[in-house]
Each structure stands twice: as structure tokens, then as C-alpha cells.
């Protein structure tokens, strides 16, 4: 089955509401806490 990337439905004012399909959006972010921990413990320039 085709999973839509965009969802569209009628709005209360007679127009159209367009939104992204949240199920297809990858939920990733940067773990700044982990970065601060390993950055302090890194010894060599290569690390």
C-alpha cells in the first residue's frame, strides 16, 4: 500500500488544511549530553 507523505482535509472555514504525515517523518536528533561526556574524555587528537 502507498503511504502518503502529505495529508489533506477540509478545514472548518471551507478551505483546505495540508500537513505532513508524521508517521513517515524520521524522529532523530543529536544527543548533546552524550557528546559533552565523550568530548571531555577524549584524549588523542584523532578521537
ModelCIF file with pLDDT and N, C-alpha, C, O atoms, coordinates in Angstrom:
data_MODEL
#
_entry.id   MODEL 
#
_entity.id                         1 
_entity.type                       polymer 
_entity.pdbx_number_of_molecules   1 
#
_entity_poly.entity_id                      1 
_entity_poly.type                           'polypeptide(L)' 
_entity_poly.nstd_linkage                   no 
_entity_poly.nstd_monomer                   no 
_entity_poly.pdbx_seq_one_letter_code       
;(UNK)(UNK)(UNK)(UNK)(UNK)(UNK)(UNK)(UNK)(UNK)(UNK)(UNK)(UNK)(UNK)(UNK)(UNK)(UNK)
(UNK)(UNK)(UNK)(UNK)(UNK)(UNK)(UNK)(UNK)(UNK)(UNK)(UNK)(UNK)(UNK)(UNK)(UNK)(UNK)
(UNK)(UNK)(UNK)(UNK)(UNK)(UNK)(UNK)(UNK)(UNK)(UNK)(UNK)(UNK)(UNK)(UNK)(UNK)
;
_entity_poly.pdbx_seq_one_letter_code_can   XXXXXXXXXXXXXXXXXXXXXXXXXXXXXXXXXXXXXXXXXXXXXXX 
_entity_poly.pdbx_strand_id                 A 
#
loop_
_entity_poly_seq.entity_id 
_entity_poly_seq.num 
_entity_poly_seq.mon_id 
_entity_poly_seq.hetero 
1 1  UNK n 
1 2  UNK n 
1 3  UNK n 
1 4  UNK n 
1 5  UNK n 
1 6  UNK n 
1 7  UNK n 
1 8  UNK n 
1 9  UNK n 
1 10 UNK n 
1 11 UNK n 
1 12 UNK n 
1 13 UNK n 
1 14 UNK n 
1 15 UNK n 
1 16 UNK n 
1 17 UNK n 
1 18 UNK n 
1 19 UNK n 
1 20 UNK n 
1 21 UNK n 
1 22 UNK n 
1 23 UNK n 
1 24 UNK n 
1 25 UNK n 
1 26 UNK n 
1 27 UNK n 
1 28 UNK n 
1 29 UNK n 
1 30 UNK n 
1 31 UNK n 
1 32 UNK n 
1 33 UNK n 
1 34 UNK n 
1 35 UNK n 
1 36 UNK n 
1 37 UNK n 
1 38 UNK n 
1 39 UNK n 
1 40 UNK n 
1 41 UNK n 
1 42 UNK n 
1 43 UNK n 
1 44 UNK n 
1 45 UNK n 
1 46 UNK n 
1 47 UNK n 
#
_struct_asym.id          A 
_struct_asym.entity_id   1 
#
loop_
_ma_qa_metric.id 
_ma_qa_metric.mode 
_ma_qa_metric.name 
_ma_qa_metric.software_group_id 
_ma_qa_metric.type 
1 global pLDDT . pLDDT 
2 local  pLDDT . pLDDT 
#
_ma_qa_metric_global.metric_id      1 
_ma_qa_metric_global.metric_value   88.45 
_ma_qa_metric_global.model_id       1 
_ma_qa_metric_global.ordinal_id     1 
#
loop_
_ma_qa_metric_local.label_asym_id 
_ma_qa_metric_local.label_comp_id 
_ma_qa_metric_local.label_seq_id 
_ma_qa_metric_local.metric_id 
_ma_qa_metric_local.metric_value 
_ma_qa_metric_local.model_id 
_ma_qa_metric_local.ordinal_id 
A UNK 1  2 80.00 1 1  
A UNK 2  2 85.00 1 2  
A UNK 3  2 89.00 1 3  
A UNK 4  2 92.00 1 4  
A UNK 5  2 93.00 1 5  
A UNK 6  2 94.00 1 6  
A UNK 7  2 94.00 1 7  
A UNK 8  2 93.00 1 8  
A UNK 9  2 91.00 1 9  
A UNK 10 2 91.00 1 10 
A UNK 11 2 89.00 1 11 
A UNK 12 2 90.00 1 12 
A UNK 13 2 89.00 1 13 
A UNK 14 2 87.00 1 14 
A UNK 15 2 89.00 1 15 
A UNK 16 2 92.00 1 16 
A UNK 17 2 93.00 1 17 
A UNK 18 2 93.00 1 18 
A UNK 19 2 94.00 1 19 
A UNK 20 2 93.00 1 20 
A UNK 21 2 92.00 1 21 
A UNK 22 2 88.00 1 22 
A UNK 23 2 87.00 1 23 
A UNK 24 2 85.00 1 24 
A UNK 25 2 87.00 1 25 
A UNK 26 2 87.00 1 26 
A UNK 27 2 86.00 1 27 
A UNK 28 2 87.00 1 28 
A UNK 29 2 88.00 1 29 
A UNK 30 2 89.00 1 30 
A UNK 31 2 88.00 1 31 
A UNK 32 2 88.00 1 32 
A UNK 33 2 87.00 1 33 
A UNK 34 2 88.00 1 34 
A UNK 35 2 87.00 1 35 
A UNK 36 2 88.00 1 36 
A UNK 37 2 87.00 1 37 
A UNK 38 2 88.00 1 38 
A UNK 39 2 85.00 1 39 
A UNK 40 2 85.00 1 40 
A UNK 41 2 84.00 1 41 
A UNK 42 2 80.00 1 42 
A UNK 43 2 82.00 1 43 
A UNK 44 2 87.00 1 44 
A UNK 45 2 88.00 1 45 
A UNK 46 2 89.00 1 46 
A UNK 47 2 89.00 1 47 
#
loop_
_atom_site.group_PDB 
_atom_site.id 
_atom_site.type_symbol 
_atom_site.label_atom_id 
_atom_site.label_alt_id 
_atom_site.label_comp_id 
_atom_site.label_asym_id 
_atom_site.label_entity_id 
_atom_site.label_seq_id 
_atom_site.pdbx_PDB_ins_code 
_atom_site.Cartn_x 
_atom_site.Cartn_y 
_atom_site.Cartn_z 
_atom_site.occupancy 
_atom_site.B_iso_or_equiv 
_atom_site.pdbx_formal_charge 
_atom_site.auth_seq_id 
_atom_site.auth_comp_id 
_atom_site.auth_asym_id 
_atom_site.auth_atom_id 
_atom_site.pdbx_PDB_model_num 
ATOM 1   N N  . UNK A 1 1  ? 0.835   -1.197 0.000  1.00 80.00 ? 1  UNK A N  1 
ATOM 2   C CA . UNK A 1 1  ? 0.000   0.000  0.000  1.00 80.00 ? 1  UNK A CA 1 
ATOM 3   C C  . UNK A 1 1  ? 0.872   1.250  0.000  1.00 80.00 ? 1  UNK A C  1 
ATOM 4   O O  . UNK A 1 1  ? 1.973   1.255  0.551  1.00 80.00 ? 1  UNK A O  1 
ATOM 5   N N  . UNK A 1 2  ? 0.373   2.291  -0.616 1.00 85.00 ? 2  UNK A N  1 
ATOM 6   C CA . UNK A 1 2  ? 1.089   3.556  -0.681 1.00 85.00 ? 2  UNK A CA 1 
ATOM 7   C C  . UNK A 1 2  ? 0.847   4.336  0.607  1.00 85.00 ? 2  UNK A C  1 
ATOM 8   O O  . UNK A 1 2  ? -0.298  4.571  0.994  1.00 85.00 ? 2  UNK A O  1 
ATOM 9   N N  . UNK A 1 3  ? 1.924   4.731  1.262  1.00 89.00 ? 3  UNK A N  1 
ATOM 10  C CA . UNK A 1 3  ? 1.818   5.562  2.464  1.00 89.00 ? 3  UNK A CA 1 
ATOM 11  C C  . UNK A 1 3  ? 2.018   7.012  2.041  1.00 89.00 ? 3  UNK A C  1 
ATOM 12  O O  . UNK A 1 3  ? 3.103   7.359  1.575  1.00 89.00 ? 3  UNK A O  1 
ATOM 13  N N  . UNK A 1 4  ? 1.012   7.868  2.187  1.00 92.00 ? 4  UNK A N  1 
ATOM 14  C CA . UNK A 1 4  ? 1.145   9.255  1.716  1.00 92.00 ? 4  UNK A CA 1 
ATOM 15  C C  . UNK A 1 4  ? 2.140   10.039 2.564  1.00 92.00 ? 4  UNK A C  1 
ATOM 16  O O  . UNK A 1 4  ? 2.251   9.825  3.771  1.00 92.00 ? 4  UNK A O  1 
ATOM 17  N N  . UNK A 1 5  ? 2.853   10.940 1.920  1.00 93.00 ? 5  UNK A N  1 
ATOM 18  C CA . UNK A 1 5  ? 3.768   11.837 2.624  1.00 93.00 ? 5  UNK A CA 1 
ATOM 19  C C  . UNK A 1 5  ? 3.054   13.075 3.145  1.00 93.00 ? 5  UNK A C  1 
ATOM 20  O O  . UNK A 1 5  ? 3.492   13.682 4.122  1.00 93.00 ? 5  UNK A O  1 
ATOM 21  N N  . UNK A 1 6  ? 1.947   13.454 2.490  1.00 94.00 ? 6  UNK A N  1 
ATOM 22  C CA . UNK A 1 6  ? 1.209   14.658 2.856  1.00 94.00 ? 6  UNK A CA 1 
ATOM 23  C C  . UNK A 1 6  ? -0.258  14.283 3.047  1.00 94.00 ? 6  UNK A C  1 
ATOM 24  O O  . UNK A 1 6  ? -0.811  13.481 2.296  1.00 94.00 ? 6  UNK A O  1 
ATOM 25  N N  . UNK A 1 7  ? -0.872  14.874 4.057  1.00 94.00 ? 7  UNK A N  1 
ATOM 26  C CA . UNK A 1 7  ? -2.283  14.647 4.339  1.00 94.00 ? 7  UNK A CA 1 
ATOM 27  C C  . UNK A 1 7  ? -3.050  15.946 4.091  1.00 94.00 ? 7  UNK A C  1 
ATOM 28  O O  . UNK A 1 7  ? -2.574  17.032 4.423  1.00 94.00 ? 7  UNK A O  1 
ATOM 29  N N  . UNK A 1 8  ? -4.222  15.823 3.515  1.00 93.00 ? 8  UNK A N  1 
ATOM 30  C CA . UNK A 1 8  ? -5.028  16.991 3.183  1.00 93.00 ? 8  UNK A CA 1 
ATOM 31  C C  . UNK A 1 8  ? -6.486  16.706 3.536  1.00 93.00 ? 8  UNK A C  1 
ATOM 32  O O  . UNK A 1 8  ? -7.010  15.636 3.223  1.00 93.00 ? 8  UNK A O  1 
ATOM 33  N N  . UNK A 1 9  ? -7.128  17.658 4.182  1.00 91.00 ? 9  UNK A N  1 
ATOM 34  C CA . UNK A 1 9  ? -8.547  17.504 4.512  1.00 91.00 ? 9  UNK A CA 1 
ATOM 35  C C  . UNK A 1 9  ? -9.188  18.876 4.574  1.00 91.00 ? 9  UNK A C  1 
ATOM 36  O O  . UNK A 1 9  ? -8.507  19.898 4.653  1.00 91.00 ? 9  UNK A O  1 
ATOM 37  N N  . UNK A 1 10 ? -10.494 18.878 4.536  1.00 91.00 ? 10 UNK A N  1 
ATOM 38  C CA . UNK A 1 10 ? -11.234 20.137 4.501  1.00 91.00 ? 10 UNK A CA 1 
ATOM 39  C C  . UNK A 1 10 ? -11.152 20.836 5.846  1.00 91.00 ? 10 UNK A C  1 
ATOM 40  O O  . UNK A 1 10 ? -11.222 20.200 6.897  1.00 91.00 ? 10 UNK A O  1 
ATOM 41  N N  . UNK A 1 11 ? -11.000 22.170 5.797  1.00 89.00 ? 11 UNK A N  1 
ATOM 42  C CA . UNK A 1 11 ? -10.940 22.964 7.006  1.00 89.00 ? 11 UNK A CA 1 
ATOM 43  C C  . UNK A 1 11 ? -12.302 23.479 7.423  1.00 89.00 ? 11 UNK A C  1 
ATOM 44  O O  . UNK A 1 11 ? -13.247 23.420 6.636  1.00 89.00 ? 11 UNK A O  1 
ATOM 45  N N  . UNK A 1 12 ? -12.426 23.981 8.637  1.00 90.00 ? 12 UNK A N  1 
ATOM 46  C CA . UNK A 1 12 ? -13.737 24.476 9.111  1.00 90.00 ? 12 UNK A CA 1 
ATOM 47  C C  . UNK A 1 12 ? -14.210 25.721 8.377  1.00 90.00 ? 12 UNK A C  1 
ATOM 48  O O  . UNK A 1 12 ? -15.404 26.020 8.374  1.00 90.00 ? 12 UNK A O  1 
ATOM 49  N N  . UNK A 1 13 ? -13.286 26.453 7.752  1.00 89.00 ? 13 UNK A N  1 
ATOM 50  C CA . UNK A 1 13 ? -13.668 27.677 7.048  1.00 89.00 ? 13 UNK A CA 1 
ATOM 51  C C  . UNK A 1 13 ? -13.947 27.453 5.572  1.00 89.00 ? 13 UNK A C  1 
ATOM 52  O O  . UNK A 1 13 ? -14.097 28.413 4.817  1.00 89.00 ? 13 UNK A O  1 
ATOM 53  N N  . UNK A 1 14 ? -14.018 26.198 5.154  1.00 87.00 ? 14 UNK A N  1 
ATOM 54  C CA . UNK A 1 14 ? -14.277 25.881 3.755  1.00 87.00 ? 14 UNK A CA 1 
ATOM 55  C C  . UNK A 1 14 ? -13.025 25.736 2.911  1.00 87.00 ? 14 UNK A C  1 
ATOM 56  O O  . UNK A 1 14 ? -13.120 25.393 1.733  1.00 87.00 ? 14 UNK A O  1 
ATOM 57  N N  . UNK A 1 15 ? -11.849 25.990 3.481  1.00 89.00 ? 15 UNK A N  1 
ATOM 58  C CA . UNK A 1 15 ? -10.593 25.824 2.750  1.00 89.00 ? 15 UNK A CA 1 
ATOM 59  C C  . UNK A 1 15 ? -10.020 24.435 2.939  1.00 89.00 ? 15 UNK A C  1 
ATOM 60  O O  . UNK A 1 15 ? -10.728 23.503 3.320  1.00 89.00 ? 15 UNK A O  1 
ATOM 61  N N  . UNK A 1 16 ? -8.740  24.305 2.670  1.00 92.00 ? 16 UNK A N  1 
ATOM 62  C CA . UNK A 1 16 ? -8.065  23.015 2.771  1.00 92.00 ? 16 UNK A CA 1 
ATOM 63  C C  . UNK A 1 16 ? -6.925  23.113 3.777  1.00 92.00 ? 16 UNK A C  1 
ATOM 64  O O  . UNK A 1 16 ? -6.180  24.093 3.788  1.00 92.00 ? 16 UNK A O  1 
ATOM 65  N N  . UNK A 1 17 ? -6.791  22.089 4.624  1.00 93.00 ? 17 UNK A N  1 
ATOM 66  C CA . UNK A 1 17 ? -5.688  22.001 5.576  1.00 93.00 ? 17 UNK A CA 1 
ATOM 67  C C  . UNK A 1 17 ? -4.691  20.971 5.065  1.00 93.00 ? 17 UNK A C  1 
ATOM 68  O O  . UNK A 1 17 ? -5.058  19.833 4.774  1.00 93.00 ? 17 UNK A O  1 
ATOM 69  N N  . UNK A 1 18 ? -3.440  21.370 4.959  1.00 93.00 ? 18 UNK A N  1 
ATOM 70  C CA . UNK A 1 18 ? -2.378  20.496 4.450  1.00 93.00 ? 18 UNK A CA 1 
ATOM 71  C C  . UNK A 1 18 ? -1.347  20.320 5.549  1.00 93.00 ? 18 UNK A C  1 
ATOM 72  O O  . UNK A 1 18 ? -0.889  21.294 6.145  1.00 93.00 ? 18 UNK A O  1 
ATOM 73  N N  . UNK A 1 19 ? -0.983  19.073 5.813  1.00 94.00 ? 19 UNK A N  1 
ATOM 74  C CA . UNK A 1 19 ? 0.006   18.780 6.836  1.00 94.00 ? 19 UNK A CA 1 
ATOM 75  C C  . UNK A 1 19 ? 0.815   17.559 6.430  1.00 94.00 ? 19 UNK A C  1 
ATOM 76  O O  . UNK A 1 19 ? 0.374   16.748 5.616  1.00 94.00 ? 19 UNK A O  1 
ATOM 77  N N  . UNK A 1 20 ? 2.004   17.440 7.008  1.00 93.00 ? 20 UNK A N  1 
ATOM 78  C CA . UNK A 1 20 ? 2.849   16.296 6.739  1.00 93.00 ? 20 UNK A CA 1 
ATOM 79  C C  . UNK A 1 20 ? 2.361   15.089 7.526  1.00 93.00 ? 20 UNK A C  1 
ATOM 80  O O  . UNK A 1 20 ? 1.809   15.227 8.617  1.00 93.00 ? 20 UNK A O  1 
ATOM 81  N N  . UNK A 1 21 ? 2.568   13.916 6.966  1.00 92.00 ? 21 UNK A N  1 
ATOM 82  C CA . UNK A 1 21 ? 2.222   12.678 7.650  1.00 92.00 ? 21 UNK A CA 1 
ATOM 83  C C  . UNK A 1 21 ? 3.312   12.371 8.678  1.00 92.00 ? 21 UNK A C  1 
ATOM 84  O O  . UNK A 1 21 ? 4.423   11.989 8.311  1.00 92.00 ? 21 UNK A O  1 
ATOM 85  N N  . UNK A 1 22 ? 2.996   12.537 9.957  1.00 88.00 ? 22 UNK A N  1 
ATOM 86  C CA . UNK A 1 22 ? 4.005   12.368 10.998 1.00 88.00 ? 22 UNK A CA 1 
ATOM 87  C C  . UNK A 1 22 ? 4.547   10.946 11.067 1.00 88.00 ? 22 UNK A C  1 
ATOM 88  O O  . UNK A 1 22 ? 5.650   10.732 11.571 1.00 88.00 ? 22 UNK A O  1 
ATOM 89  N N  . UNK A 1 23 ? 3.781   9.959  10.562 1.00 87.00 ? 23 UNK A N  1 
ATOM 90  C CA . UNK A 1 23 ? 4.250   8.579  10.613 1.00 87.00 ? 23 UNK A CA 1 
ATOM 91  C C  . UNK A 1 23 ? 5.416   8.323  9.663  1.00 87.00 ? 23 UNK A C  1 
ATOM 92  O O  . UNK A 1 23 ? 6.182   7.381  9.866  1.00 87.00 ? 23 UNK A O  1 
ATOM 93  N N  . UNK A 1 24 ? 5.559   9.142  8.638  1.00 85.00 ? 24 UNK A N  1 
ATOM 94  C CA . UNK A 1 24 ? 6.650   8.946  7.683  1.00 85.00 ? 24 UNK A CA 1 
ATOM 95  C C  . UNK A 1 24 ? 7.866   9.815  7.999  1.00 85.00 ? 24 UNK A C  1 
ATOM 96  O O  . UNK A 1 24 ? 8.895   9.700  7.334  1.00 85.00 ? 24 UNK A O  1 
ATOM 97  N N  . UNK A 1 25 ? 7.758   10.684 9.010  1.00 87.00 ? 25 UNK A N  1 
ATOM 98  C CA . UNK A 1 25 ? 8.881   11.559 9.347  1.00 87.00 ? 25 UNK A CA 1 
ATOM 99  C C  . UNK A 1 25 ? 9.833   10.846 10.293 1.00 87.00 ? 25 UNK A C  1 
ATOM 100 O O  . UNK A 1 25 ? 9.401   10.376 11.346 1.00 87.00 ? 25 UNK A O  1 
ATOM 101 N N  . UNK A 1 26 ? 11.106  10.749 9.957  1.00 87.00 ? 26 UNK A N  1 
ATOM 102 C CA . UNK A 1 26 ? 12.068  10.131 10.872 1.00 87.00 ? 26 UNK A CA 1 
ATOM 103 C C  . UNK A 1 26 ? 12.309  11.026 12.084 1.00 87.00 ? 26 UNK A C  1 
ATOM 104 O O  . UNK A 1 26 ? 12.560  12.221 11.931 1.00 87.00 ? 26 UNK A O  1 
ATOM 105 N N  . UNK A 1 27 ? 12.236  10.462 13.276 1.00 86.00 ? 27 UNK A N  1 
ATOM 106 C CA . UNK A 1 27 ? 12.403  11.227 14.511 1.00 86.00 ? 27 UNK A CA 1 
ATOM 107 C C  . UNK A 1 27 ? 13.815  10.995 15.041 1.00 86.00 ? 27 UNK A C  1 
ATOM 108 O O  . UNK A 1 27 ? 14.044  10.073 15.824 1.00 86.00 ? 27 UNK A O  1 
ATOM 109 N N  . UNK A 1 28 ? 14.739  11.813 14.624 1.00 87.00 ? 28 UNK A N  1 
ATOM 110 C CA . UNK A 1 28 ? 16.133  11.716 15.061 1.00 87.00 ? 28 UNK A CA 1 
ATOM 111 C C  . UNK A 1 28 ? 16.585  13.076 15.556 1.00 87.00 ? 28 UNK A C  1 
ATOM 112 O O  . UNK A 1 28 ? 16.082  14.111 15.118 1.00 87.00 ? 28 UNK A O  1 
ATOM 113 N N  . UNK A 1 29 ? 17.541  13.061 16.475 1.00 88.00 ? 29 UNK A N  1 
ATOM 114 C CA . UNK A 1 29 ? 18.106  14.293 16.994 1.00 88.00 ? 29 UNK A CA 1 
ATOM 115 C C  . UNK A 1 29 ? 19.514  14.013 17.504 1.00 88.00 ? 29 UNK A C  1 
ATOM 116 O O  . UNK A 1 29 ? 19.966  12.869 17.542 1.00 88.00 ? 29 UNK A O  1 
ATOM 117 N N  . UNK A 1 30 ? 20.186  15.074 17.889 1.00 89.00 ? 30 UNK A N  1 
ATOM 118 C CA . UNK A 1 30 ? 21.568  14.979 18.354 1.00 89.00 ? 30 UNK A CA 1 
ATOM 119 C C  . UNK A 1 30 ? 21.566  14.894 19.874 1.00 89.00 ? 30 UNK A C  1 
ATOM 120 O O  . UNK A 1 30 ? 20.951  15.725 20.542 1.00 89.00 ? 30 UNK A O  1 
ATOM 121 N N  . UNK A 1 31 ? 22.247  13.899 20.421 1.00 88.00 ? 31 UNK A N  1 
ATOM 122 C CA . UNK A 1 31 ? 22.344  13.723 21.861 1.00 88.00 ? 31 UNK A CA 1 
ATOM 123 C C  . UNK A 1 31 ? 23.488  14.589 22.369 1.00 88.00 ? 31 UNK A C  1 
ATOM 124 O O  . UNK A 1 31 ? 24.632  14.139 22.425 1.00 88.00 ? 31 UNK A O  1 
ATOM 125 N N  . UNK A 1 32 ? 23.185  15.827 22.738 1.00 88.00 ? 32 UNK A N  1 
ATOM 126 C CA . UNK A 1 32 ? 24.213  16.756 23.192 1.00 88.00 ? 32 UNK A CA 1 
ATOM 127 C C  . UNK A 1 32 ? 24.800  16.342 24.528 1.00 88.00 ? 32 UNK A C  1 
ATOM 128 O O  . UNK A 1 32 ? 25.969  16.615 24.800 1.00 88.00 ? 32 UNK A O  1 
ATOM 129 N N  . UNK A 1 33 ? 24.001  15.681 25.375 1.00 87.00 ? 33 UNK A N  1 
ATOM 130 C CA . UNK A 1 33 ? 24.512  15.225 26.662 1.00 87.00 ? 33 UNK A CA 1 
ATOM 131 C C  . UNK A 1 33 ? 25.622  14.192 26.482 1.00 87.00 ? 33 UNK A C  1 
ATOM 132 O O  . UNK A 1 33 ? 26.666  14.258 27.131 1.00 87.00 ? 33 UNK A O  1 
ATOM 133 N N  . UNK A 1 34 ? 25.374  13.248 25.594 1.00 88.00 ? 34 UNK A N  1 
ATOM 134 C CA . UNK A 1 34 ? 26.393  12.218 25.334 1.00 88.00 ? 34 UNK A CA 1 
ATOM 135 C C  . UNK A 1 34 ? 27.628  12.833 24.677 1.00 88.00 ? 34 UNK A C  1 
ATOM 136 O O  . UNK A 1 34 ? 28.754  12.413 24.945 1.00 88.00 ? 34 UNK A O  1 
ATOM 137 N N  . UNK A 1 35 ? 27.412  13.828 23.818 1.00 87.00 ? 35 UNK A N  1 
ATOM 138 C CA . UNK A 1 35 ? 28.546  14.491 23.180 1.00 87.00 ? 35 UNK A CA 1 
ATOM 139 C C  . UNK A 1 35 ? 29.430  15.172 24.211 1.00 87.00 ? 35 UNK A C  1 
ATOM 140 O O  . UNK A 1 35 ? 30.655  15.095 24.119 1.00 87.00 ? 35 UNK A O  1 
ATOM 141 N N  . UNK A 1 36 ? 28.820  15.847 25.207 1.00 88.00 ? 36 UNK A N  1 
ATOM 142 C CA . UNK A 1 36 ? 29.599  16.527 26.238 1.00 88.00 ? 36 UNK A CA 1 
ATOM 143 C C  . UNK A 1 36 ? 30.408  15.521 27.062 1.00 88.00 ? 36 UNK A C  1 
ATOM 144 O O  . UNK A 1 36 ? 31.535  15.815 27.460 1.00 88.00 ? 36 UNK A O  1 
ATOM 145 N N  . UNK A 1 37 ? 29.846  14.346 27.318 1.00 87.00 ? 37 UNK A N  1 
ATOM 146 C CA . UNK A 1 37 ? 30.552  13.343 28.121 1.00 87.00 ? 37 UNK A CA 1 
ATOM 147 C C  . UNK A 1 37 ? 31.766  12.785 27.379 1.00 87.00 ? 37 UNK A C  1 
ATOM 148 O O  . UNK A 1 37 ? 32.866  12.738 27.929 1.00 87.00 ? 37 UNK A O  1 
ATOM 149 N N  . UNK A 1 38 ? 31.564  12.365 26.137 1.00 88.00 ? 38 UNK A N  1 
ATOM 150 C CA . UNK A 1 38 ? 32.678  11.726 25.430 1.00 88.00 ? 38 UNK A CA 1 
ATOM 151 C C  . UNK A 1 38 ? 33.698  12.749 24.949 1.00 88.00 ? 38 UNK A C  1 
ATOM 152 O O  . UNK A 1 38 ? 34.860  12.400 24.739 1.00 88.00 ? 38 UNK A O  1 
ATOM 153 N N  . UNK A 1 39 ? 33.295  13.992 24.771 1.00 85.00 ? 39 UNK A N  1 
ATOM 154 C CA . UNK A 1 39 ? 34.253  15.019 24.343 1.00 85.00 ? 39 UNK A CA 1 
ATOM 155 C C  . UNK A 1 39 ? 35.244  15.338 25.452 1.00 85.00 ? 39 UNK A C  1 
ATOM 156 O O  . UNK A 1 39 ? 36.412  15.621 25.186 1.00 85.00 ? 39 UNK A O  1 
ATOM 157 N N  . UNK A 1 40 ? 34.777  15.290 26.695 1.00 85.00 ? 40 UNK A N  1 
ATOM 158 C CA . UNK A 1 40 ? 35.682  15.548 27.817 1.00 85.00 ? 40 UNK A CA 1 
ATOM 159 C C  . UNK A 1 40 ? 36.643  14.391 28.040 1.00 85.00 ? 40 UNK A C  1 
ATOM 160 O O  . UNK A 1 40 ? 37.780  14.595 28.466 1.00 85.00 ? 40 UNK A O  1 
ATOM 161 N N  . UNK A 1 41 ? 36.186  13.177 27.750 1.00 84.00 ? 41 UNK A N  1 
ATOM 162 C CA . UNK A 1 41 ? 37.042  12.007 27.989 1.00 84.00 ? 41 UNK A CA 1 
ATOM 163 C C  . UNK A 1 41 ? 37.971  11.694 26.823 1.00 84.00 ? 41 UNK A C  1 
ATOM 164 O O  . UNK A 1 41 ? 38.847  10.839 26.955 1.00 84.00 ? 41 UNK A O  1 
ATOM 165 N N  . UNK A 1 42 ? 37.802  12.360 25.688 1.00 80.00 ? 42 UNK A N  1 
ATOM 166 C CA . UNK A 1 42 ? 38.676  12.105 24.535 1.00 80.00 ? 42 UNK A CA 1 
ATOM 167 C C  . UNK A 1 42 ? 40.076  12.622 24.817 1.00 80.00 ? 42 UNK A C  1 
ATOM 168 O O  . UNK A 1 42 ? 40.240  13.756 25.267 1.00 80.00 ? 42 UNK A O  1 
ATOM 169 N N  . UNK A 1 43 ? 41.086  11.802 24.556 1.00 82.00 ? 43 UNK A N  1 
ATOM 170 C CA . UNK A 1 43 ? 42.476  12.157 24.833 1.00 82.00 ? 43 UNK A CA 1 
ATOM 171 C C  . UNK A 1 43 ? 43.241  12.552 23.579 1.00 82.00 ? 43 UNK A C  1 
ATOM 172 O O  . UNK A 1 43 ? 43.857  13.616 23.539 1.00 82.00 ? 43 UNK A O  1 
ATOM 173 N N  . UNK A 1 44 ? 43.207  11.705 22.553 1.00 87.00 ? 44 UNK A N  1 
ATOM 174 C CA . UNK A 1 44 ? 44.012  11.944 21.362 1.00 87.00 ? 44 UNK A CA 1 
ATOM 175 C C  . UNK A 1 44 ? 43.307  12.902 20.416 1.00 87.00 ? 44 UNK A C  1 
ATOM 176 O O  . UNK A 1 44 ? 42.090  13.079 20.471 1.00 87.00 ? 44 UNK A O  1 
ATOM 177 N N  . UNK A 1 45 ? 44.105  13.518 19.543 1.00 88.00 ? 45 UNK A N  1 
ATOM 178 C CA . UNK A 1 45 ? 43.552  14.425 18.538 1.00 88.00 ? 45 UNK A CA 1 
ATOM 179 C C  . UNK A 1 45 ? 42.667  13.690 17.554 1.00 88.00 ? 45 UNK A C  1 
ATOM 180 O O  . UNK A 1 45 ? 41.693  14.248 17.049 1.00 88.00 ? 45 UNK A O  1 
ATOM 181 N N  . UNK A 1 46 ? 43.006  12.425 17.275 1.00 89.00 ? 46 UNK A N  1 
ATOM 182 C CA . UNK A 1 46 ? 42.211  11.637 16.339 1.00 89.00 ? 46 UNK A CA 1 
ATOM 183 C C  . UNK A 1 46 ? 40.806  11.387 16.889 1.00 89.00 ? 46 UNK A C  1 
ATOM 184 O O  . UNK A 1 46 ? 39.823  11.446 16.150 1.00 89.00 ? 46 UNK A O  1 
ATOM 185 N N  . UNK A 1 47 ? 40.721  11.108 18.195 1.00 89.00 ? 47 UNK A N  1 
ATOM 186 C CA . UNK A 1 47 ? 39.409  10.888 18.813 1.00 89.00 ? 47 UNK A CA 1 
ATOM 187 C C  . UNK A 1 47 ? 38.588  12.167 18.800 1.00 89.00 ? 47 UNK A C  1 
ATOM 188 O O  . UNK A 1 47 ? 37.453  12.177 19.278 1.00 89.00 ? 47 UNK A O  1 
#
